[in-house]
């Protein structure tokens, strides 16, 4: 599998230039490269990282996962989703005394935007996104691709997620 990774250096420099703790919401459609970039940024900056994949309550839960973002930003707390059992899992938390990255589809919304210092949208060609997502998640995601993609499209359109982003990264 070939994965094109985005060089995190210019983005790390942008965050480091703030001189204080920050909150970054990193959004985009499935397979765009959010997780790769978020992990690189967290590693380079020491920021806490919360992936909404651990929050969405199942395949129809994009909006519910997005609704959890303000609480994650304020309190650093959420309920994990147990994908294997398809039930809520244990409570989870991250310290809120430093920088934070929340990444996932639905991270940027009208409710979450005022709580963030930075909002970045990752954009990638639709065919490439699908290929990457299905290579990553395989048969577990394939039967749900269309319904998840419909939620992503609807959420981004209704919330204006791309317009709320202060940076759009095309890879």
Protein backbone atom coordinates (compact mmCIF):
# COMPACT_ATOMS: atom_id res chain seq x y z
CA UNK A 1 0.00 0.00 0.00
CA UNK A 2 1.29 3.45 -0.90
CA UNK A 3 0.36 6.20 1.54
CA UNK A 4 1.18 9.80 0.70
CA UNK A 5 1.99 11.59 3.92
CA UNK A 6 1.80 15.34 4.30
CA UNK A 7 4.97 16.97 5.60
CA UNK A 8 3.86 18.28 9.01
CA UNK A 9 6.75 20.77 9.32
CA UNK A 10 4.98 23.92 8.06
CA UNK A 11 1.91 23.12 10.16
CA UNK A 12 3.97 22.46 13.28
CA UNK A 13 5.73 25.78 12.71
CA UNK A 14 2.35 27.53 12.45
CA UNK A 15 1.19 26.03 15.75
CA UNK A 16 4.52 26.65 17.50
CA UNK A 17 4.39 30.30 16.46
CA UNK A 18 1.34 30.87 18.66
CA UNK A 19 3.49 30.79 21.80
CA UNK A 20 0.71 29.33 23.96
CA UNK A 21 -1.49 26.25 24.33
CA UNK A 22 -3.95 25.82 21.49
CA UNK A 23 -6.89 23.74 20.29
CA UNK A 24 -6.87 22.42 16.73
CA UNK A 25 -9.94 20.86 15.12
CA UNK A 26 -8.87 18.77 12.12
CA UNK A 27 -11.72 17.76 9.81
CA UNK A 28 -12.29 16.28 6.37
CA UNK A 29 -13.97 13.35 4.70
CA UNK A 30 -13.00 9.75 5.39
CA UNK A 31 -9.66 8.76 3.89
CA UNK A 32 -8.46 12.34 3.45
CA UNK A 33 -5.44 11.92 5.74
CA UNK A 34 -6.66 13.54 8.97
CA UNK A 35 -5.32 10.83 11.26
CA UNK A 36 -1.87 10.72 9.64
CA UNK A 37 -1.49 14.48 9.93
CA UNK A 38 -2.95 14.61 13.46
CA UNK A 39 -0.58 11.92 14.73
CA UNK A 40 2.39 13.70 13.18
CA UNK A 41 1.34 17.00 14.73
CA UNK A 42 0.71 15.47 18.15
CA UNK A 43 4.07 13.73 18.08
CA UNK A 44 5.90 16.89 17.01
CA UNK A 45 4.15 19.26 19.43
CA UNK A 46 3.30 17.10 22.45
CA UNK A 47 -0.41 17.94 22.06
CA UNK A 48 -3.07 15.58 23.33
CA UNK A 49 -4.95 13.83 20.49
CA UNK A 50 -8.56 12.69 20.44
CA UNK A 51 -9.80 10.82 17.39
CA UNK A 52 -13.54 10.95 16.83
CA UNK A 53 -13.34 7.35 15.58
CA UNK A 54 -13.31 6.44 19.28
CA UNK A 55 -16.37 8.62 19.94
CA UNK A 56 -18.89 8.04 17.11
CA UNK A 57 -21.68 5.81 18.41
CA UNK A 58 -21.74 3.43 15.45
CA UNK A 59 -22.10 3.80 11.70
CA UNK A 60 -24.96 6.28 11.97
CA UNK A 61 -23.28 8.36 14.67
CA UNK A 62 -21.37 11.11 12.88
CA UNK A 63 -23.65 13.89 14.18
CA UNK A 64 -23.54 12.50 17.73
CA UNK A 65 -19.75 12.28 17.59
CA UNK A 66 -19.59 15.86 16.35
CA UNK A 67 -21.90 16.96 19.17
CA UNK A 68 -19.38 15.57 21.67
CA UNK A 69 -16.56 17.82 20.42
CA UNK A 70 -17.41 20.91 22.54
CA UNK A 71 -17.35 18.79 25.69
CA UNK A 72 -14.06 17.21 24.69
CA UNK A 73 -12.54 20.66 24.13
CA UNK A 74 -13.91 22.10 27.39
CA UNK A 75 -13.51 19.13 29.74
CA UNK A 76 -11.35 16.58 27.91
CA UNK A 77 -13.99 13.90 28.52
CA UNK A 78 -16.06 11.60 26.34
CA UNK A 79 -17.50 8.11 26.20
CA UNK A 80 -15.66 5.64 24.00
CA UNK A 81 -17.64 3.57 21.52
CA UNK A 82 -17.06 -0.19 21.58
CA UNK A 83 -17.20 -0.97 17.86
CA UNK A 84 -16.90 -4.75 18.38
CA UNK A 85 -19.88 -4.95 20.74
CA UNK A 86 -21.73 -1.98 19.15
CA UNK A 87 -22.40 -0.41 22.57
CA UNK A 88 -21.06 2.52 24.59
CA UNK A 89 -17.72 1.74 26.16
CA UNK A 90 -15.86 3.21 29.10
CA UNK A 91 -15.42 6.88 29.86
CA UNK A 92 -12.24 8.41 28.51
CA UNK A 93 -10.37 11.64 29.11
CA UNK A 94 -7.31 13.68 28.26
CA UNK A 95 -5.70 16.39 30.39
CA UNK A 96 -6.87 19.89 29.46
CA UNK A 97 -3.80 21.70 30.67
CA UNK A 98 -2.03 21.78 27.31
CA UNK A 99 -2.63 21.80 23.59
CA UNK A 100 -5.29 19.55 22.08
CA UNK A 101 -6.03 18.13 18.63
CA UNK A 102 -9.49 16.73 17.91
CA UNK A 103 -9.55 14.97 14.56
CA UNK A 104 -12.36 13.35 12.66
CA UNK A 105 -15.28 13.92 10.35
CA UNK A 106 -17.53 16.45 12.06
CA UNK A 107 -14.84 18.01 14.26
CA UNK A 108 -15.58 21.47 12.82
CA UNK A 109 -19.12 22.68 13.46
CA UNK A 110 -20.84 25.90 14.40
CA UNK A 111 -20.83 24.72 18.03
CA UNK A 112 -17.16 23.71 18.15
CA UNK A 113 -15.59 26.49 16.05
CA UNK A 114 -15.72 29.20 18.76
CA UNK A 115 -13.82 26.88 21.13
CA UNK A 116 -10.87 26.32 18.79
CA UNK A 117 -7.80 28.37 18.00
CA UNK A 118 -7.29 26.62 14.66
CA UNK A 119 -9.62 24.75 12.35
CA UNK A 120 -8.13 22.84 9.44
CA UNK A 121 -9.97 20.95 6.70
CA UNK A 122 -8.12 18.19 4.79
CA UNK A 123 -9.20 17.82 1.17
CA UNK A 124 -8.35 14.86 -1.10
CA UNK A 125 -9.72 13.48 -4.36
CA UNK A 126 -12.86 11.34 -3.77
CA UNK A 127 -11.52 8.22 -5.51
CA UNK A 128 -8.24 8.44 -3.63
CA UNK A 129 -10.07 8.92 -0.31
CA UNK A 130 -12.21 5.86 -0.88
CA UNK A 131 -9.25 3.72 -1.90
CA UNK A 132 -7.25 4.83 1.15
CA UNK A 133 -10.13 4.31 3.58
CA UNK A 134 -10.95 0.85 2.28
CA UNK A 135 -7.29 -0.20 2.28
CA UNK A 136 -7.04 1.03 5.86
CA UNK A 137 -10.27 -0.43 7.24
CA UNK A 138 -11.02 -3.15 4.69
CA UNK A 139 -14.14 -5.24 4.90
CA UNK A 140 -15.21 -3.60 8.15
CA UNK A 141 -15.84 -0.27 6.42
CA UNK A 142 -16.76 -1.33 2.87
CA UNK A 143 -20.44 -2.14 3.55
CA UNK A 144 -20.89 1.21 5.35
CA UNK A 145 -19.02 3.51 2.94
CA UNK A 146 -22.06 5.00 1.20
CA UNK A 147 -24.09 5.68 4.34
CA UNK A 148 -21.08 7.18 6.13
CA UNK A 149 -20.20 9.31 3.09
CA UNK A 150 -23.79 10.61 2.99
CA UNK A 151 -23.51 11.67 6.64
CA UNK A 152 -20.17 13.40 5.99
CA UNK A 153 -21.55 15.31 3.03
CA UNK A 154 -24.74 16.32 4.83
CA UNK A 155 -22.95 17.38 8.01
CA UNK A 156 -20.29 19.45 6.21
CA UNK A 157 -22.95 21.15 4.09
CA UNK A 158 -25.35 21.90 6.97
CA UNK A 159 -22.63 23.08 9.36
CA UNK A 160 -20.52 24.88 6.77
CA UNK A 161 -17.46 23.02 8.04
CA UNK A 162 -15.22 23.95 5.12
CA UNK A 163 -16.20 27.60 5.37
CA UNK A 164 -15.49 27.54 9.14
CA UNK A 165 -11.97 26.21 8.53
CA UNK A 166 -9.18 28.75 8.71
CA UNK A 167 -6.93 26.51 6.63
CA UNK A 168 -7.79 24.06 3.83
CA UNK A 169 -5.03 21.57 3.08
CA UNK A 170 -5.29 19.85 -0.29
CA UNK A 171 -3.27 16.67 -0.57
